[in-house]
Amino acid sequence: DRSVVNFALKPENHQRFVQTGVRVSTRLEVPPGRYQLRVAARESGTGRVGSVNYDLDVPDFTKDRLAVSGIVIASAAGTLVSTVKHDAELRDVLPAPPAASRVFPRGDELAVYAEVYDNDVRNPHTVDITTTVLSEDGRNVFKTSEERSSSELQGKPGGYGHQARIQLKDFAPGTYLLTVEAKSRAGNEPPVSRTIQFEVR
């Protein structure tokens, strides 16, 4: 697939653009597999070009009994970044567009969203979903949990949307690990999880 976004930078917005950049949101649906994402920007006036390539693996979330999607983060400070093309689906579950940066100022507020895919249709059961944040020295500085019932899926495989809000005002500057973990109470299978790293400055 290929997507092109053209926008004109007005003189009154130039300084803000220099300070914060601009966010472009594009949704792409592909089957499970390995892909390379290529993003490039070109300034028409000078012809200057910048680009980045990113290898990604799209998992098959229907293969296992329980799976966790990637983690999406939005931040209050990130609302200062101008956004071209809002993602309509994420707008329903996040208070702001997702942040591409993983560096946040102290005092910021993060909104976290992930989906847990439950493919176990054998018996009614409960899934525990937990979001935690660990500091560099291994201390647990944030934790929230919720219970979801398989009855929500009406006997079919499906997903639970999981949201969390994290206040960074008490976080010391440093690197943190954010984990979303899901564990089914049916059987003795180990939990599944996704982890990302972020920094507070």
Foldseek 3Di string as FASTA:
>chain_A
DDDDDDDDDDPVCVVLCVVANAAEDDDDDDDFDKDKDKDKDADVVVRDMDIDIDIDTGDDCQPDQKEKFAKFKDKPVNQSHHYDDADPVVVVVDVHGTDPAQEAEQQMKMKMKMKMKGADLPDKWKKKKKKWKAFPVGDTPDIDIDIDICVVVVSHIDIDMDMDMDGRNPPDWHKMKIKIWMDIPPDDDDIYMDIDMGTYD
